[in-house]
Amino acid sequence: MDILKERILEQASVLSSDVLRLDSILNHQVDPALTMEMGHEFAKRFADEKITKVLTIESSGIPVAFAVAYVLGVPLVFARRKKTLIADPEAYFERVPSFTKGMVTDIMVSKQFLTSEDKVLFIDDIIANGDAARGLIKIIERSGAHLVGMGIVLEKSFQAGSRTLREQGVRVESLVNVTSLNDGQIQFD
């Protein structure tokens, strides 16, 4: 997606050789038109998969996942990072480290919203080391649902996350692939 690459070059900032700030595009402010374009692109790439649910992790993945679910006409389910007083005690839980948050959190999905009948498309904003993705994939596996693939807005291919998922047989589709952030420069594949 050339428009996404242009927006990243214009608005993102490189914080280190491992961290790219996308606050004005994905992580704090959301451009609805660009987000819907991303949703259409992912829906097109996975059109033949007979998806029944789109799944993401709160919070930054929600806007794009919503756009994909809307275009596909299926429900969006998101894994919560915080347990609430009314949380389903029968939920699937997984403890995952977060690269950008620098901490370990629990993610949970209610068993009510993820079943063995589901064909799931997992959408997320960024993949770095893939720890959160692997945690959510474990939840999908425990539910008996079928993971048809993973759509990532921005893949940091210089980190191991997407590579290890592909090696495990997961179909990973990225809208943009960043190969380096060295010297404060964003390099795309």
N, C-alpha and C. Protein backbone atom coordinates (compact mmCIF):
# COMPACT_ATOMS: atom_id res chain seq x y z
N MET A 1 0.85 -1.18 0.00
CA MET A 1 0.00 0.00 0.00
C MET A 1 0.89 1.25 0.00
N ASP A 2 1.01 1.85 -1.15
CA ASP A 2 1.88 3.01 -1.29
C ASP A 2 1.42 4.18 -0.43
N ILE A 3 0.11 4.38 -0.31
CA ILE A 3 -0.38 5.50 0.50
C ILE A 3 0.02 5.32 1.97
N LEU A 4 0.02 4.10 2.45
CA LEU A 4 0.43 3.83 3.82
C LEU A 4 1.93 4.11 3.99
N LYS A 5 2.73 3.68 3.04
CA LYS A 5 4.17 3.97 3.10
C LYS A 5 4.41 5.48 3.12
N GLU A 6 3.69 6.21 2.28
CA GLU A 6 3.85 7.67 2.24
C GLU A 6 3.51 8.29 3.59
N ARG A 7 2.39 7.85 4.18
CA ARG A 7 1.98 8.39 5.47
C ARG A 7 2.98 8.06 6.57
N ILE A 8 3.54 6.86 6.52
CA ILE A 8 4.55 6.48 7.50
C ILE A 8 5.78 7.38 7.36
N LEU A 9 6.23 7.59 6.13
CA LEU A 9 7.40 8.45 5.93
C LEU A 9 7.13 9.89 6.36
N GLU A 10 5.91 10.37 6.16
CA GLU A 10 5.56 11.74 6.53
C GLU A 10 5.34 11.92 8.03
N GLN A 11 4.72 10.94 8.68
CA GLN A 11 4.21 11.16 10.03
C GLN A 11 4.82 10.31 11.13
N ALA A 12 5.47 9.22 10.80
CA ALA A 12 6.04 8.35 11.83
C ALA A 12 7.38 8.92 12.28
N SER A 13 7.79 8.51 13.47
CA SER A 13 9.11 8.90 13.94
C SER A 13 9.86 7.67 14.46
N VAL A 14 11.13 7.62 14.16
CA VAL A 14 11.98 6.52 14.60
C VAL A 14 12.52 6.87 15.98
N LEU A 15 12.20 6.05 16.97
CA LEU A 15 12.67 6.29 18.33
C LEU A 15 13.99 5.58 18.62
N SER A 16 14.20 4.46 17.95
CA SER A 16 15.45 3.70 18.09
C SER A 16 15.54 2.75 16.90
N SER A 17 16.57 1.95 16.86
CA SER A 17 16.70 1.00 15.75
C SER A 17 15.68 -0.12 15.83
N ASP A 18 14.90 -0.17 16.93
CA ASP A 18 13.85 -1.19 17.09
C ASP A 18 12.44 -0.63 17.17
N VAL A 19 12.30 0.68 17.42
CA VAL A 19 10.97 1.24 17.73
C VAL A 19 10.60 2.36 16.77
N LEU A 20 9.41 2.23 16.19
CA LEU A 20 8.83 3.23 15.29
C LEU A 20 7.54 3.74 15.91
N ARG A 21 7.42 5.05 16.08
CA ARG A 21 6.20 5.63 16.64
C ARG A 21 5.24 5.94 15.50
N LEU A 22 4.03 5.38 15.62
CA LEU A 22 2.99 5.56 14.62
C LEU A 22 1.75 6.20 15.22
N ASP A 23 1.94 7.05 16.22
CA ASP A 23 0.80 7.63 16.95
C ASP A 23 -0.19 8.37 16.07
N SER A 24 0.27 9.07 15.06
CA SER A 24 -0.65 9.86 14.24
C SER A 24 -1.34 9.03 13.16
N ILE A 25 -0.98 7.74 13.05
CA ILE A 25 -1.57 6.88 12.03
C ILE A 25 -2.39 5.75 12.64
N LEU A 26 -1.85 5.11 13.69
CA LEU A 26 -2.47 3.90 14.23
C LEU A 26 -2.68 3.88 15.73
N ASN A 27 -1.73 4.40 16.49
CA ASN A 27 -1.68 4.08 17.91
C ASN A 27 -2.25 5.13 18.85
N HIS A 28 -2.62 6.28 18.35
CA HIS A 28 -3.21 7.29 19.22
C HIS A 28 -4.32 8.04 18.47
N GLN A 29 -4.02 8.39 17.25
CA GLN A 29 -4.99 9.03 16.37
C GLN A 29 -5.25 8.06 15.21
N VAL A 30 -6.47 8.04 14.73
CA VAL A 30 -6.84 7.14 13.65
C VAL A 30 -7.42 7.94 12.50
N ASP A 31 -6.92 7.69 11.31
CA ASP A 31 -7.46 8.29 10.09
C ASP A 31 -8.51 7.32 9.54
N PRO A 32 -9.80 7.64 9.65
CA PRO A 32 -10.84 6.69 9.23
C PRO A 32 -10.74 6.28 7.76
N ALA A 33 -10.44 7.21 6.87
CA ALA A 33 -10.36 6.86 5.44
C ALA A 33 -9.21 5.89 5.18
N LEU A 34 -8.05 6.17 5.73
CA LEU A 34 -6.90 5.28 5.55
C LEU A 34 -7.17 3.92 6.20
N THR A 35 -7.79 3.94 7.36
CA THR A 35 -8.12 2.69 8.06
C THR A 35 -9.08 1.84 7.24
N MET A 36 -10.07 2.46 6.62
CA MET A 36 -11.00 1.70 5.77
C MET A 36 -10.29 1.14 4.53
N GLU A 37 -9.34 1.89 3.98
CA GLU A 37 -8.56 1.36 2.85
C GLU A 37 -7.79 0.12 3.27
N MET A 38 -7.21 0.16 4.47
CA MET A 38 -6.49 -1.01 4.98
C MET A 38 -7.47 -2.18 5.17
N GLY A 39 -8.65 -1.88 5.68
CA GLY A 39 -9.66 -2.92 5.86
C GLY A 39 -10.05 -3.58 4.55
N HIS A 40 -10.25 -2.77 3.51
CA HIS A 40 -10.57 -3.31 2.19
C HIS A 40 -9.43 -4.17 1.65
N GLU A 41 -8.20 -3.73 1.87
CA GLU A 41 -7.04 -4.49 1.36
C GLU A 41 -6.94 -5.86 2.04
N PHE A 42 -7.07 -5.90 3.35
CA PHE A 42 -7.02 -7.20 4.04
C PHE A 42 -8.20 -8.08 3.62
N ALA A 43 -9.39 -7.50 3.51
CA ALA A 43 -10.56 -8.28 3.10
C ALA A 43 -10.35 -8.88 1.71
N LYS A 44 -9.73 -8.12 0.82
CA LYS A 44 -9.44 -8.63 -0.53
C LYS A 44 -8.44 -9.79 -0.46
N ARG A 45 -7.41 -9.64 0.35
CA ARG A 45 -6.37 -10.68 0.43
C ARG A 45 -6.90 -11.99 1.02
N PHE A 46 -7.90 -11.90 1.89
CA PHE A 46 -8.43 -13.11 2.54
C PHE A 46 -9.85 -13.43 2.09
N ALA A 47 -10.26 -12.93 0.95
CA ALA A 47 -11.64 -13.05 0.47
C ALA A 47 -12.12 -14.49 0.31
N ASP A 48 -11.25 -15.40 -0.03
CA ASP A 48 -11.66 -16.78 -0.30
C ASP A 48 -11.66 -17.69 0.93
N GLU A 49 -11.46 -17.15 2.09
CA GLU A 49 -11.26 -17.97 3.29
C GLU A 49 -12.52 -18.27 4.10
N LYS A 50 -13.67 -17.72 3.75
CA LYS A 50 -14.92 -17.96 4.47
C LYS A 50 -14.78 -17.66 5.97
N ILE A 51 -14.24 -16.50 6.26
CA ILE A 51 -13.97 -16.06 7.62
C ILE A 51 -15.29 -15.83 8.36
N THR A 52 -15.35 -16.28 9.62
CA THR A 52 -16.54 -16.05 10.45
C THR A 52 -16.29 -15.01 11.54
N LYS A 53 -15.01 -14.77 11.91
CA LYS A 53 -14.68 -13.79 12.94
C LYS A 53 -13.35 -13.13 12.60
N VAL A 54 -13.26 -11.85 12.92
CA VAL A 54 -11.98 -11.14 12.91
C VAL A 54 -11.60 -10.97 14.37
N LEU A 55 -10.34 -11.26 14.68
CA LEU A 55 -9.85 -11.23 16.05
C LEU A 55 -8.63 -10.32 16.14
N THR A 56 -8.54 -9.55 17.20
CA THR A 56 -7.37 -8.70 17.45
C THR A 56 -7.14 -8.61 18.95
N ILE A 57 -6.09 -7.87 19.32
CA ILE A 57 -5.78 -7.61 20.72
C ILE A 57 -5.99 -6.12 20.96
N GLU A 58 -6.62 -5.77 22.10
CA GLU A 58 -6.78 -4.35 22.37
C GLU A 58 -5.41 -3.74 22.61
N SER A 59 -5.17 -2.55 22.21
CA SER A 59 -6.11 -1.60 21.73
C SER A 59 -5.81 -1.12 20.31
N SER A 60 -4.54 -1.05 19.94
CA SER A 60 -4.18 -0.44 18.66
C SER A 60 -4.64 -1.23 17.43
N GLY A 61 -4.89 -2.51 17.58
CA GLY A 61 -5.36 -3.30 16.45
C GLY A 61 -6.84 -3.13 16.16
N ILE A 62 -7.58 -2.57 17.09
CA ILE A 62 -9.04 -2.53 16.97
C ILE A 62 -9.52 -1.74 15.76
N PRO A 63 -9.03 -0.53 15.48
CA PRO A 63 -9.59 0.21 14.33
C PRO A 63 -9.46 -0.54 13.00
N VAL A 64 -8.29 -1.08 12.72
CA VAL A 64 -8.10 -1.79 11.45
C VAL A 64 -8.90 -3.08 11.44
N ALA A 65 -8.90 -3.81 12.57
CA ALA A 65 -9.69 -5.04 12.65
C ALA A 65 -11.18 -4.75 12.45
N PHE A 66 -11.65 -3.63 13.01
CA PHE A 66 -13.04 -3.24 12.81
C PHE A 66 -13.33 -3.01 11.33
N ALA A 67 -12.42 -2.31 10.65
CA ALA A 67 -12.61 -2.04 9.22
C ALA A 67 -12.67 -3.35 8.42
N VAL A 68 -11.80 -4.29 8.75
CA VAL A 68 -11.80 -5.58 8.05
C VAL A 68 -13.11 -6.32 8.32
N ALA A 69 -13.51 -6.38 9.58
CA ALA A 69 -14.76 -7.07 9.94
C ALA A 69 -15.95 -6.44 9.24
N TYR A 70 -15.96 -5.12 9.19
CA TYR A 70 -17.06 -4.40 8.53
C TYR A 70 -17.14 -4.78 7.05
N VAL A 71 -16.00 -4.76 6.37
CA VAL A 71 -15.97 -5.08 4.94
C VAL A 71 -16.38 -6.54 4.72
N LEU A 72 -15.92 -7.44 5.59
CA LEU A 72 -16.25 -8.86 5.44
C LEU A 72 -17.66 -9.19 5.92
N GLY A 73 -18.25 -8.30 6.72
CA GLY A 73 -19.59 -8.54 7.24
C GLY A 73 -19.64 -9.60 8.33
N VAL A 74 -18.58 -9.64 9.16
CA VAL A 74 -18.51 -10.62 10.25
C VAL A 74 -18.23 -9.88 11.56
N PRO A 75 -18.45 -10.54 12.70
CA PRO A 75 -18.16 -9.90 13.98
C PRO A 75 -16.67 -9.70 14.21
N LEU A 76 -16.37 -8.67 14.99
CA LEU A 76 -15.02 -8.42 15.48
C LEU A 76 -14.98 -8.82 16.94
N VAL A 77 -13.96 -9.57 17.31
CA VAL A 77 -13.73 -9.95 18.70
C VAL A 77 -12.33 -9.45 19.05
N PHE A 78 -12.20 -8.82 20.22
CA PHE A 78 -10.85 -8.44 20.62
C PHE A 78 -10.50 -9.02 21.97
N ALA A 79 -9.26 -9.47 22.06
CA ALA A 79 -8.74 -9.98 23.32
C ALA A 79 -8.52 -8.80 24.25
N ARG A 80 -9.05 -8.91 25.44
CA ARG A 80 -8.88 -7.85 26.44
C ARG A 80 -7.54 -8.04 27.15
N ARG A 81 -6.95 -6.92 27.52
CA ARG A 81 -5.69 -6.95 28.27
C ARG A 81 -5.91 -6.78 29.77
N LYS A 82 -7.08 -6.37 30.17
CA LYS A 82 -7.36 -6.15 31.58
C LYS A 82 -8.58 -6.96 31.99
N LYS A 83 -8.45 -7.65 33.09
CA LYS A 83 -9.59 -8.40 33.61
C LYS A 83 -10.51 -7.41 34.33
N THR A 84 -11.80 -7.48 34.03
CA THR A 84 -12.77 -6.60 34.67
C THR A 84 -13.60 -7.40 35.67
N LEU A 85 -14.38 -6.69 36.46
CA LEU A 85 -15.23 -7.35 37.45
C LEU A 85 -16.28 -8.25 36.80
N ILE A 86 -16.67 -7.91 35.58
CA ILE A 86 -17.69 -8.71 34.90
C ILE A 86 -17.10 -9.64 33.84
N ALA A 87 -15.78 -9.84 33.90
CA ALA A 87 -15.13 -10.72 32.93
C ALA A 87 -15.65 -12.15 33.06
N ASP A 88 -15.72 -12.82 31.95
CA ASP A 88 -16.18 -14.20 31.90
C ASP A 88 -15.16 -15.10 32.61
N PRO A 89 -15.56 -15.77 33.69
CA PRO A 89 -14.60 -16.65 34.40
C PRO A 89 -14.21 -17.87 33.56
N GLU A 90 -14.98 -18.14 32.53
CA GLU A 90 -14.70 -19.28 31.65
C GLU A 90 -13.97 -18.85 30.38
N ALA A 91 -13.26 -17.77 30.46
CA ALA A 91 -12.55 -17.25 29.28
C ALA A 91 -11.23 -17.98 29.06
N TYR A 92 -10.72 -17.85 27.84
CA TYR A 92 -9.37 -18.31 27.54
C TYR A 92 -8.40 -17.21 27.96
N PHE A 93 -7.35 -17.57 28.70
CA PHE A 93 -6.36 -16.62 29.17
C PHE A 93 -4.98 -17.03 28.67
N GLU A 94 -4.14 -16.05 28.42
CA GLU A 94 -2.75 -16.32 28.08
C GLU A 94 -1.92 -15.14 28.56
N ARG A 95 -0.79 -15.41 29.15
CA ARG A 95 0.14 -14.37 29.62
C ARG A 95 1.15 -14.10 28.51
N VAL A 96 1.26 -12.80 28.12
CA VAL A 96 2.14 -12.44 27.01
C VAL A 96 2.97 -11.20 27.34
N PRO A 97 4.23 -11.19 26.90
CA PRO A 97 5.02 -9.97 27.02
C PRO A 97 4.67 -9.02 25.88
N SER A 98 4.77 -7.73 26.14
CA SER A 98 4.54 -6.72 25.11
C SER A 98 5.85 -6.00 24.84
N PHE A 99 6.30 -6.04 23.59
CA PHE A 99 7.55 -5.40 23.20
C PHE A 99 7.48 -3.89 23.42
N THR A 100 6.43 -3.24 22.92
CA THR A 100 6.35 -1.78 23.01
C THR A 100 5.95 -1.29 24.39
N LYS A 101 5.17 -2.09 25.12
CA LYS A 101 4.75 -1.66 26.46
C LYS A 101 5.79 -2.01 27.52
N GLY A 102 6.71 -2.93 27.19
CA GLY A 102 7.77 -3.30 28.11
C GLY A 102 7.28 -3.99 29.37
N MET A 103 6.20 -4.76 29.25
CA MET A 103 5.67 -5.47 30.42
C MET A 103 4.93 -6.73 29.97
N VAL A 104 4.61 -7.56 30.94
CA VAL A 104 3.85 -8.78 30.67
C VAL A 104 2.41 -8.52 31.07
N THR A 105 1.48 -8.92 30.20
CA THR A 105 0.06 -8.76 30.50
C THR A 105 -0.68 -10.06 30.21
N ASP A 106 -1.85 -10.17 30.79
CA ASP A 106 -2.73 -11.29 30.47
C ASP A 106 -3.69 -10.83 29.39
N ILE A 107 -3.91 -11.68 28.40
CA ILE A 107 -4.96 -11.40 27.42
C ILE A 107 -6.04 -12.46 27.61
N MET A 108 -7.27 -12.06 27.36
CA MET A 108 -8.37 -13.00 27.53
C MET A 108 -9.42 -12.82 26.45
N VAL A 109 -10.02 -13.95 26.07
CA VAL A 109 -11.13 -13.96 25.12
C VAL A 109 -12.21 -14.86 25.72
N SER A 110 -13.43 -14.36 25.78
CA SER A 110 -14.54 -15.14 26.30
C SER A 110 -14.80 -16.35 25.40
N LYS A 111 -15.03 -17.50 26.03
CA LYS A 111 -15.35 -18.72 25.28
C LYS A 111 -16.64 -18.55 24.48
N GLN A 112 -17.47 -17.62 24.90
CA GLN A 112 -18.73 -17.35 24.21
C GLN A 112 -18.49 -16.83 22.78
N PHE A 113 -17.36 -16.15 22.56
CA PHE A 113 -17.14 -15.47 21.28
C PHE A 113 -16.12 -16.15 20.38
N LEU A 114 -15.58 -17.31 20.80
CA LEU A 114 -14.60 -18.01 19.98
C LEU A 114 -14.82 -19.50 20.16
N THR A 115 -15.29 -20.16 19.10
CA THR A 115 -15.64 -21.57 19.21
C THR A 115 -14.99 -22.38 18.09
N SER A 116 -15.14 -23.67 18.18
CA SER A 116 -14.57 -24.58 17.18
C SER A 116 -15.22 -24.41 15.81
N GLU A 117 -16.33 -23.71 15.74
CA GLU A 117 -17.01 -23.47 14.45
C GLU A 117 -16.39 -22.30 13.68
N ASP A 118 -15.55 -21.52 14.33
CA ASP A 118 -15.05 -20.28 13.74
C ASP A 118 -13.83 -20.46 12.86
N LYS A 119 -13.83 -19.67 11.77
CA LYS A 119 -12.66 -19.50 10.91
C LYS A 119 -12.21 -18.06 11.14
N VAL A 120 -11.04 -17.91 11.76
CA VAL A 120 -10.60 -16.65 12.32
C VAL A 120 -9.51 -15.99 11.49
N LEU A 121 -9.69 -14.70 11.27
CA LEU A 121 -8.64 -13.86 10.69
C LEU A 121 -8.12 -12.98 11.82
N PHE A 122 -6.85 -13.08 12.13
CA PHE A 122 -6.21 -12.31 13.19
C PHE A 122 -5.59 -11.06 12.55
N ILE A 123 -6.01 -9.88 13.00
CA ILE A 123 -5.51 -8.61 12.49
C ILE A 123 -4.78 -7.88 13.62
N ASP A 124 -3.61 -7.31 13.30
CA ASP A 124 -2.91 -6.51 14.30
C ASP A 124 -2.19 -5.36 13.62
N ASP A 125 -1.81 -4.38 14.42
CA ASP A 125 -1.19 -3.18 13.86
C ASP A 125 0.27 -3.40 13.50
N ILE A 126 1.06 -3.94 14.42
CA ILE A 126 2.50 -4.09 14.21
C ILE A 126 2.93 -5.45 14.73
N ILE A 127 3.86 -6.08 14.05
CA ILE A 127 4.49 -7.27 14.60
C ILE A 127 5.98 -7.01 14.71
N ALA A 128 6.50 -7.26 15.92
CA ALA A 128 7.92 -7.13 16.19
C ALA A 128 8.45 -8.53 16.53
N ASN A 129 8.45 -8.86 17.81
CA ASN A 129 8.92 -10.18 18.23
C ASN A 129 7.84 -11.25 18.13
N GLY A 130 6.58 -10.86 18.08
CA GLY A 130 5.49 -11.81 17.87
C GLY A 130 4.98 -12.49 19.13
N ASP A 131 5.40 -12.01 20.31
CA ASP A 131 4.97 -12.66 21.55
C ASP A 131 3.46 -12.58 21.75
N ALA A 132 2.88 -11.41 21.56
CA ALA A 132 1.43 -11.25 21.72
C ALA A 132 0.69 -12.10 20.68
N ALA A 133 1.20 -12.11 19.46
CA ALA A 133 0.57 -12.92 18.40
C ALA A 133 0.59 -14.40 18.77
N ARG A 134 1.73 -14.89 19.24
CA ARG A 134 1.80 -16.31 19.63
C ARG A 134 0.84 -16.61 20.77
N GLY A 135 0.68 -15.67 21.71
CA GLY A 135 -0.27 -15.87 22.80
C GLY A 135 -1.69 -15.97 22.30
N LEU A 136 -2.07 -15.09 21.38
CA LEU A 136 -3.43 -15.14 20.86
C LEU A 136 -3.65 -16.39 20.00
N ILE A 137 -2.62 -16.82 19.29
CA ILE A 137 -2.73 -18.05 18.50
C ILE A 137 -2.95 -19.25 19.42
N LYS A 138 -2.32 -19.26 20.59
CA LYS A 138 -2.56 -20.35 21.56
C LYS A 138 -4.01 -20.36 21.99
N ILE A 139 -4.58 -19.17 22.21
CA ILE A 139 -6.00 -19.09 22.58
C ILE A 139 -6.87 -19.63 21.45
N ILE A 140 -6.57 -19.25 20.21
CA ILE A 140 -7.33 -19.74 19.06
C ILE A 140 -7.26 -21.27 19.01
N GLU A 141 -6.07 -21.81 19.19
CA GLU A 141 -5.91 -23.27 19.16
C GLU A 141 -6.70 -23.95 20.27
N ARG A 142 -6.65 -23.40 21.49
CA ARG A 142 -7.40 -24.00 22.60
C ARG A 142 -8.90 -23.96 22.35
N SER A 143 -9.37 -22.94 21.64
CA SER A 143 -10.81 -22.84 21.37
C SER A 143 -11.28 -23.84 20.32
N GLY A 144 -10.33 -24.37 19.56
CA GLY A 144 -10.69 -25.28 18.47
C GLY A 144 -11.00 -24.55 17.18
N ALA A 145 -10.97 -23.22 17.21
CA ALA A 145 -11.21 -22.43 15.98
C ALA A 145 -10.05 -22.64 15.01
N HIS A 146 -10.32 -22.32 13.76
CA HIS A 146 -9.30 -22.45 12.70
C HIS A 146 -8.76 -21.07 12.35
N LEU A 147 -7.45 -20.88 12.51
CA LEU A 147 -6.80 -19.63 12.13
C LEU A 147 -6.51 -19.68 10.63
N VAL A 148 -7.17 -18.79 9.86
CA VAL A 148 -6.95 -18.78 8.41
C VAL A 148 -5.73 -17.94 8.04
N GLY A 149 -5.35 -17.01 8.92
CA GLY A 149 -4.18 -16.19 8.65
C GLY A 149 -4.15 -14.98 9.54
N MET A 150 -3.11 -14.20 9.32
CA MET A 150 -2.87 -13.02 10.12
C MET A 150 -2.57 -11.86 9.19
N GLY A 151 -3.28 -10.74 9.40
CA GLY A 151 -3.03 -9.52 8.64
C GLY A 151 -2.35 -8.50 9.54
N ILE A 152 -1.21 -8.00 9.10
CA ILE A 152 -0.43 -7.06 9.90
C ILE A 152 -0.29 -5.77 9.11
N VAL A 153 -0.60 -4.64 9.74
CA VAL A 153 -0.43 -3.35 9.06
C VAL A 153 1.03 -3.11 8.77
N LEU A 154 1.89 -3.23 9.79
CA LEU A 154 3.31 -2.97 9.61
C LEU A 154 4.13 -4.11 10.20
N GLU A 155 4.85 -4.77 9.34
CA GLU A 155 5.75 -5.86 9.74
C GLU A 155 7.16 -5.30 9.88
N LYS A 156 7.77 -5.55 11.02
CA LYS A 156 9.19 -5.22 11.20
C LYS A 156 9.97 -6.51 10.96
N SER A 157 10.35 -6.73 9.71
CA SER A 157 10.96 -8.01 9.33
C SER A 157 12.37 -8.19 9.89
N PHE A 158 12.96 -7.13 10.42
CA PHE A 158 14.28 -7.25 11.04
C PHE A 158 14.18 -7.82 12.46
N GLN A 159 12.95 -8.02 12.95
CA GLN A 159 12.72 -8.71 14.20
C GLN A 159 12.06 -10.05 13.88
N ALA A 160 12.11 -10.99 14.78
CA ALA A 160 11.81 -12.39 14.46
C ALA A 160 10.34 -12.77 14.39
N GLY A 161 9.42 -11.92 14.82
CA GLY A 161 8.02 -12.30 14.97
C GLY A 161 7.36 -12.90 13.75
N SER A 162 7.34 -12.18 12.66
CA SER A 162 6.65 -12.68 11.46
C SER A 162 7.35 -13.90 10.87
N ARG A 163 8.67 -13.91 10.92
CA ARG A 163 9.42 -15.04 10.38
C ARG A 163 9.08 -16.33 11.14
N THR A 164 9.06 -16.25 12.48
CA THR A 164 8.78 -17.47 13.25
C THR A 164 7.34 -17.94 13.03
N LEU A 165 6.41 -17.02 12.88
CA LEU A 165 5.03 -17.43 12.61
C LEU A 165 4.91 -18.11 11.25
N ARG A 166 5.58 -17.55 10.24
CA ARG A 166 5.55 -18.19 8.92
C ARG A 166 6.19 -19.58 8.97
N GLU A 167 7.27 -19.70 9.72
CA GLU A 167 7.93 -21.01 9.87
C GLU A 167 7.01 -22.03 10.53
N GLN A 168 6.06 -21.55 11.35
CA GLN A 168 5.09 -22.44 12.00
C GLN A 168 3.87 -22.70 11.11
N GLY A 169 3.89 -22.17 9.89
CA GLY A 169 2.82 -22.43 8.94
C GLY A 169 1.70 -21.42 8.94
N VAL A 170 1.84 -20.30 9.66
CA VAL A 170 0.81 -19.28 9.69
C VAL A 170 0.95 -18.39 8.45
N ARG A 171 -0.14 -18.18 7.77
CA ARG A 171 -0.15 -17.24 6.65
C ARG A 171 -0.15 -15.82 7.22
N VAL A 172 0.92 -15.07 6.92
CA VAL A 172 1.04 -13.70 7.41
C VAL A 172 1.07 -12.77 6.21
N GLU A 173 0.11 -11.84 6.17
CA GLU A 173 0.02 -10.83 5.10
C GLU A 173 0.26 -9.46 5.72
N SER A 174 1.26 -8.75 5.23
CA SER A 174 1.59 -7.42 5.74
C SER A 174 1.30 -6.37 4.69
N LEU A 175 0.78 -5.22 5.14
CA LEU A 175 0.55 -4.12 4.20
C LEU A 175 1.84 -3.39 3.86
N VAL A 176 2.71 -3.24 4.84
CA VAL A 176 4.05 -2.69 4.60
C VAL A 176 5.04 -3.50 5.42
N ASN A 177 6.26 -3.59 4.89
CA ASN A 177 7.31 -4.34 5.54
C ASN A 177 8.50 -3.40 5.74
N VAL A 178 8.81 -3.13 7.00
CA VAL A 178 9.96 -2.30 7.33
C VAL A 178 11.15 -3.23 7.58
N THR A 179 12.22 -3.03 6.82
CA THR A 179 13.39 -3.89 6.92
C THR A 179 14.47 -3.33 7.83
N SER A 180 14.40 -2.02 8.13
CA SER A 180 15.40 -1.42 9.00
C SER A 180 14.93 -0.06 9.50
N LEU A 181 15.37 0.26 10.71
CA LEU A 181 15.18 1.59 11.28
C LEU A 181 16.53 2.19 11.68
N ASN A 182 17.60 1.61 11.17
CA ASN A 182 18.95 2.05 11.52
C ASN A 182 19.19 3.50 11.09
N ASP A 183 19.97 4.19 11.87
CA ASP A 183 20.35 5.59 11.61
C ASP A 183 19.12 6.51 11.50
N GLY A 184 18.01 6.13 12.14
CA GLY A 184 16.81 6.95 12.12
C GLY A 184 16.07 6.96 10.80
N GLN A 185 16.42 6.04 9.90
CA GLN A 185 15.81 5.99 8.57
C GLN A 185 14.90 4.77 8.46
N ILE A 186 13.72 5.00 7.90
CA ILE A 186 12.76 3.91 7.68
C ILE A 186 13.04 3.31 6.30
N GLN A 187 13.37 2.01 6.30
CA GLN A 187 13.64 1.30 5.05
C GLN A 187 12.53 0.27 4.83
N PHE A 188 11.91 0.33 3.65
CA PHE A 188 10.86 -0.63 3.31
C PHE A 188 11.41 -1.72 2.40
N ASP A 189 10.73 -2.86 2.42
CA ASP A 189 11.06 -3.95 1.50
C ASP A 189 10.63 -3.57 0.11
